């Protein structure tokens, strides 16, 4: 499978929002919006909000992108990903992501 690694290490290529965007799949947008309403506690999530090419790729971004503290921190330090940061192992911003998805941490360790 293709990998498109986000700043935090998540694989955007496996993200339903990116897949729906790349394939212009309105049904997947609808299913994803319904699922994310519950998972991420965003009751006003709509299919129209499910558009993203990945946080490090050109193109449209999810609304959260502009305020993502992980992305903002990495960019402020001049890093493409958190894998370049010496503080990654102890970082309180990224640790919840890596607890939720150990694969994300592995992606960063293997990309940088």
Protein backbone atom coordinates (compact mmCIF):
# COMPACT_ATOMS: atom_id res chain seq x y z
CA UNK A 1 0.00 0.00 0.00
CA UNK A 2 1.11 3.52 -0.77
CA UNK A 3 2.18 5.60 2.20
CA UNK A 4 1.60 9.33 2.50
CA UNK A 5 2.97 10.14 5.93
CA UNK A 6 1.48 13.04 7.87
CA UNK A 7 3.47 15.23 10.26
CA UNK A 8 2.33 13.01 13.15
CA UNK A 9 3.11 9.78 11.32
CA UNK A 10 -0.41 8.73 10.39
CA UNK A 11 -0.65 7.28 6.89
CA UNK A 12 -2.91 9.65 4.96
CA UNK A 13 -3.10 7.13 2.10
CA UNK A 14 -5.23 4.92 4.37
CA UNK A 15 -7.49 7.79 5.51
CA UNK A 16 -11.11 7.62 4.37
CA UNK A 17 -11.22 11.38 3.83
CA UNK A 18 -8.25 11.28 1.46
CA UNK A 19 -9.59 8.22 -0.36
CA UNK A 20 -12.99 9.91 -0.79
CA UNK A 21 -11.30 13.09 -2.03
CA UNK A 22 -8.95 11.39 -4.49
CA UNK A 23 -11.76 9.21 -5.88
CA UNK A 24 -14.45 11.92 -5.63
CA UNK A 25 -16.56 9.36 -3.77
CA UNK A 26 -19.61 11.06 -2.25
CA UNK A 27 -20.90 7.83 -0.71
CA UNK A 28 -17.62 7.34 1.18
CA UNK A 29 -17.80 10.99 2.29
CA UNK A 30 -21.28 10.33 3.70
CA UNK A 31 -20.23 7.13 5.50
CA UNK A 32 -17.08 8.78 6.85
CA UNK A 33 -18.94 11.84 8.12
CA UNK A 34 -21.40 9.64 10.00
CA UNK A 35 -18.61 7.57 11.52
CA UNK A 36 -16.49 10.59 12.48
CA UNK A 37 -19.45 12.30 14.16
CA UNK A 38 -19.23 9.63 16.84
CA UNK A 39 -15.52 8.78 16.86
CA UNK A 40 -14.34 12.39 17.06
CA UNK A 41 -17.43 13.84 18.78
CA UNK A 42 -18.21 16.28 15.99
CA UNK A 43 -22.02 16.24 15.76
CA UNK A 44 -22.13 18.78 12.92
CA UNK A 45 -19.75 16.79 10.65
CA UNK A 46 -21.17 16.71 7.15
CA UNK A 47 -20.15 14.87 3.97
CA UNK A 48 -19.17 18.23 2.46
CA UNK A 49 -16.50 18.57 5.16
CA UNK A 50 -14.81 15.30 4.11
CA UNK A 51 -12.23 16.64 1.68
CA UNK A 52 -8.49 16.28 2.19
CA UNK A 53 -5.47 15.31 0.13
CA UNK A 54 -3.22 14.84 3.19
CA UNK A 55 -1.55 17.35 5.49
CA UNK A 56 1.74 17.36 3.60
CA UNK A 57 0.25 17.15 0.10
CA UNK A 58 -0.94 19.92 -2.20
CA UNK A 59 -4.68 20.42 -2.30
CA UNK A 60 -7.70 20.70 -0.07
CA UNK A 61 -7.42 20.06 3.69
CA UNK A 62 -9.80 19.10 6.46
CA UNK A 63 -10.82 22.06 8.62
CA UNK A 64 -8.72 20.75 11.50
CA UNK A 65 -5.53 21.14 9.43
CA UNK A 66 -5.23 24.89 10.02
CA UNK A 67 -5.30 24.46 13.79
CA UNK A 68 -3.46 21.13 14.16
CA UNK A 69 -0.95 21.82 16.93
CA UNK A 70 1.25 18.92 15.85
CA UNK A 71 1.58 20.27 12.31
CA UNK A 72 2.09 23.82 13.58
CA UNK A 73 4.83 22.70 15.99
CA UNK A 74 6.68 20.68 13.34
CA UNK A 75 6.51 23.56 10.86
CA UNK A 76 7.70 26.08 13.48
CA UNK A 77 10.81 23.93 14.00
CA UNK A 78 11.37 23.56 10.25
CA UNK A 79 10.49 19.84 10.23
CA UNK A 80 8.38 18.04 7.64
CA UNK A 81 7.41 15.46 10.27
CA UNK A 82 7.82 14.95 13.99
CA UNK A 83 10.27 12.17 13.20
CA UNK A 84 12.98 14.82 12.79
CA UNK A 85 12.42 16.18 16.29
CA UNK A 86 14.66 15.05 19.15
CA UNK A 87 11.72 15.54 21.53
CA UNK A 88 9.34 13.14 19.74
CA UNK A 89 9.66 10.38 22.35
CA UNK A 90 8.60 12.68 25.20
CA UNK A 91 6.28 15.07 23.34
CA UNK A 92 2.87 15.56 24.95
CA UNK A 93 1.36 16.75 21.65
CA UNK A 94 2.11 13.62 19.67
CA UNK A 95 1.93 10.95 22.37
CA UNK A 96 -1.88 10.58 22.13
CA UNK A 97 -1.57 9.87 18.40
CA UNK A 98 1.14 7.28 18.98
CA UNK A 99 -0.86 5.68 21.79
CA UNK A 100 -3.86 5.43 19.46
CA UNK A 101 -1.77 4.34 16.46
CA UNK A 102 1.64 2.79 17.20
CA UNK A 103 2.03 2.42 13.42
CA UNK A 104 2.21 6.23 13.20
CA UNK A 105 5.29 6.26 15.41
CA UNK A 106 6.85 3.45 13.38
CA UNK A 107 6.18 5.41 10.19
CA UNK A 108 8.10 8.38 11.58
CA UNK A 109 10.98 6.24 12.75
CA UNK A 110 11.26 4.65 9.31
CA UNK A 111 10.74 7.78 7.17
CA UNK A 112 13.32 10.08 8.73
